[in-house]
């Protein structure tokens, strides 16, 4: 199991570049079917588009069951949890519209 501390990227996750870097790190880990714990300690905010770019994309690629089996999020504030959920929902809506 790998531990990824997002505070290395700053206290606010709000740029497309940082979102891509985080997505790539998570994707690299789970491609080996290794679980990853994403530690949100110190993260004050996250842009919804970054949540969609990271977590929404992974959710669509993996499916719900594999997403929750491989990815654990810890130490996230309630606001961050809500933003992640909105990001996943937005990605799912866009995915359905694109079909």
C-alpha atoms as a PDB file:
ATOM      1  CA  UNK A   1       0.000   0.000   0.000  1.00  0.00           C
ATOM      2  CA  UNK A   2       1.310   3.409  -0.954  1.00  0.00           C
ATOM      3  CA  UNK A   3       0.716   6.683   0.835  1.00  0.00           C
ATOM      4  CA  UNK A   4       0.438   9.860  -1.240  1.00  0.00           C
ATOM      5  CA  UNK A   5       0.512  13.112   0.719  1.00  0.00           C
ATOM      6  CA  UNK A   6      -1.099  15.850  -1.338  1.00  0.00           C
ATOM      7  CA  UNK A   7       0.346  18.624   0.840  1.00  0.00           C
ATOM      8  CA  UNK A   8       3.492  18.246  -1.287  1.00  0.00           C
ATOM      9  CA  UNK A   9       1.472  20.010  -4.006  1.00  0.00           C
ATOM     10  CA  UNK A  10       0.433  22.925  -1.773  1.00  0.00           C
ATOM     11  CA  UNK A  11      -2.529  23.638   0.487  1.00  0.00           C
ATOM     12  CA  UNK A  12      -4.866  24.510  -2.388  1.00  0.00           C
ATOM     13  CA  UNK A  13      -5.216  22.131  -5.337  1.00  0.00           C
ATOM     14  CA  UNK A  14      -6.427  24.394  -8.104  1.00  0.00           C
ATOM     15  CA  UNK A  15      -4.324  24.131 -11.242  1.00  0.00           C
ATOM     16  CA  UNK A  16      -4.704  21.796 -14.170  1.00  0.00           C
ATOM     17  CA  UNK A  17      -0.978  20.989 -14.054  1.00  0.00           C
ATOM     18  CA  UNK A  18      -1.079  19.942 -10.402  1.00  0.00           C
ATOM     19  CA  UNK A  19      -4.262  17.958 -11.041  1.00  0.00           C
ATOM     20  CA  UNK A  20      -2.565  16.089 -13.878  1.00  0.00           C
ATOM     21  CA  UNK A  21       0.507  15.385 -11.735  1.00  0.00           C
ATOM     22  CA  UNK A  22      -1.656  13.972  -8.929  1.00  0.00           C
ATOM     23  CA  UNK A  23      -3.712  11.894 -11.367  1.00  0.00           C
ATOM     24  CA  UNK A  24      -0.540  10.500 -12.961  1.00  0.00           C
ATOM     25  CA  UNK A  25       0.917   9.514  -9.564  1.00  0.00           C
ATOM     26  CA  UNK A  26      -2.264   7.749  -8.502  1.00  0.00           C
ATOM     27  CA  UNK A  27      -2.694   6.067 -11.884  1.00  0.00           C
ATOM     28  CA  UNK A  28       0.901   4.790 -11.857  1.00  0.00           C
ATOM     29  CA  UNK A  29       0.355   3.191  -8.446  1.00  0.00           C
ATOM     30  CA  UNK A  30      -2.995   1.570  -9.166  1.00  0.00           C
ATOM     31  CA  UNK A  31      -1.837   0.265 -12.549  1.00  0.00           C
ATOM     32  CA  UNK A  32       0.122  -2.256 -10.502  1.00  0.00           C
ATOM     33  CA  UNK A  33      -3.100  -3.105  -8.642  1.00  0.00           C
ATOM     34  CA  UNK A  34      -1.596  -1.548  -5.544  1.00  0.00           C
ATOM     35  CA  UNK A  35      -3.821   0.291  -3.127  1.00  0.00           C
ATOM     36  CA  UNK A  36      -3.116   3.957  -2.543  1.00  0.00           C
ATOM     37  CA  UNK A  37      -4.001   6.077   0.461  1.00  0.00           C
ATOM     38  CA  UNK A  38      -4.420   9.715  -0.455  1.00  0.00           C
ATOM     39  CA  UNK A  39      -3.648  11.810   2.613  1.00  0.00           C
ATOM     40  CA  UNK A  40      -5.380  15.194   2.510  1.00  0.00           C
ATOM     41  CA  UNK A  41      -3.730  16.527   5.672  1.00  0.00           C
ATOM     42  CA  UNK A  42      -3.132  20.258   5.234  1.00  0.00           C
ATOM     43  CA  UNK A  43      -5.286  20.602   2.112  1.00  0.00           C
ATOM     44  CA  UNK A  44      -7.555  23.609   2.627  1.00  0.00           C
ATOM     45  CA  UNK A  45      -9.356  23.595  -0.707  1.00  0.00           C
ATOM     46  CA  UNK A  46      -9.580  21.896  -4.068  1.00  0.00           C
ATOM     47  CA  UNK A  47     -11.093  23.233  -7.262  1.00  0.00           C
ATOM     48  CA  UNK A  48     -14.041  21.177  -8.457  1.00  0.00           C
ATOM     49  CA  UNK A  49     -12.466  20.824 -11.898  1.00  0.00           C
ATOM     50  CA  UNK A  50      -9.359  19.319 -10.265  1.00  0.00           C
ATOM     51  CA  UNK A  51     -11.515  16.845  -8.347  1.00  0.00           C
ATOM     52  CA  UNK A  52     -13.159  15.890 -11.645  1.00  0.00           C
ATOM     53  CA  UNK A  53      -9.780  15.725 -13.411  1.00  0.00           C
ATOM     54  CA  UNK A  54      -8.335  13.428 -10.736  1.00  0.00           C
ATOM     55  CA  UNK A  55     -11.069  11.461  -8.988  1.00  0.00           C
ATOM     56  CA  UNK A  56     -13.810  11.667 -11.595  1.00  0.00           C
ATOM     57  CA  UNK A  57     -11.535  10.379 -14.330  1.00  0.00           C
ATOM     58  CA  UNK A  58     -10.265   7.537 -12.128  1.00  0.00           C
ATOM     59  CA  UNK A  59     -13.817   6.620 -11.109  1.00  0.00           C
ATOM     60  CA  UNK A  60     -14.892   6.329 -14.742  1.00  0.00           C
ATOM     61  CA  UNK A  61     -11.780   4.389 -15.766  1.00  0.00           C
ATOM     62  CA  UNK A  62     -11.898   1.941 -12.861  1.00  0.00           C
ATOM     63  CA  UNK A  63     -15.583   1.635 -12.119  1.00  0.00           C
ATOM     64  CA  UNK A  64     -17.028   2.154  -8.663  1.00  0.00           C
ATOM     65  CA  UNK A  65     -15.958  -1.129  -7.067  1.00  0.00           C
ATOM     66  CA  UNK A  66     -12.327  -1.038  -8.175  1.00  0.00           C
ATOM     67  CA  UNK A  67     -12.106   2.705  -7.403  1.00  0.00           C
ATOM     68  CA  UNK A  68     -13.149   2.167  -3.788  1.00  0.00           C
ATOM     69  CA  UNK A  69     -11.016  -0.979  -3.430  1.00  0.00           C
ATOM     70  CA  UNK A  70      -7.822   0.698  -4.646  1.00  0.00           C
ATOM     71  CA  UNK A  71      -8.214   4.306  -3.490  1.00  0.00           C
ATOM     72  CA  UNK A  72      -8.669   5.480   0.091  1.00  0.00           C
ATOM     73  CA  UNK A  73      -8.898   9.123   1.055  1.00  0.00           C
ATOM     74  CA  UNK A  74      -7.987  10.084   4.599  1.00  0.00           C
ATOM     75  CA  UNK A  75      -7.841  13.295   6.610  1.00  0.00           C
ATOM     76  CA  UNK A  76     -10.070  15.172   4.171  1.00  0.00           C
ATOM     77  CA  UNK A  77     -12.309  17.897   5.555  1.00  0.00           C
ATOM     78  CA  UNK A  78     -16.031  17.634   4.925  1.00  0.00           C
ATOM     79  CA  UNK A  79     -15.694  20.412   2.333  1.00  0.00           C
ATOM     80  CA  UNK A  80     -12.987  18.496   0.456  1.00  0.00           C
ATOM     81  CA  UNK A  81     -15.074  15.299   0.575  1.00  0.00           C
ATOM     82  CA  UNK A  82     -18.002  17.217  -0.915  1.00  0.00           C
ATOM     83  CA  UNK A  83     -15.803  18.701  -3.650  1.00  0.00           C
ATOM     84  CA  UNK A  84     -14.486  15.240  -4.550  1.00  0.00           C
ATOM     85  CA  UNK A  85     -18.029  13.870  -4.698  1.00  0.00           C
ATOM     86  CA  UNK A  86     -19.126  16.759  -6.944  1.00  0.00           C
ATOM     87  CA  UNK A  87     -16.091  16.167  -9.166  1.00  0.00           C
ATOM     88  CA  UNK A  88     -17.033  12.500  -9.575  1.00  0.00           C
ATOM     89  CA  UNK A  89     -20.679  13.375 -10.267  1.00  0.00           C
ATOM     90  CA  UNK A  90     -19.685  15.975 -12.883  1.00  0.00           C
ATOM     91  CA  UNK A  91     -17.381  13.485 -14.608  1.00  0.00           C
ATOM     92  CA  UNK A  92     -20.148  10.873 -14.661  1.00  0.00           C
ATOM     93  CA  UNK A  93     -22.629  13.363 -16.140  1.00  0.00           C
ATOM     94  CA  UNK A  94     -20.199  14.403 -18.870  1.00  0.00           C
ATOM     95  CA  UNK A  95     -19.378  10.764 -19.574  1.00  0.00           C
ATOM     96  CA  UNK A  96     -23.072   9.906 -19.977  1.00  0.00           C
ATOM     97  CA  UNK A  97     -23.682  12.939 -22.235  1.00  0.00           C
ATOM     98  CA  UNK A  98     -20.763  11.937 -24.450  1.00  0.00           C
ATOM     99  CA  UNK A  99     -22.274   8.494 -25.146  1.00  0.00           C
END
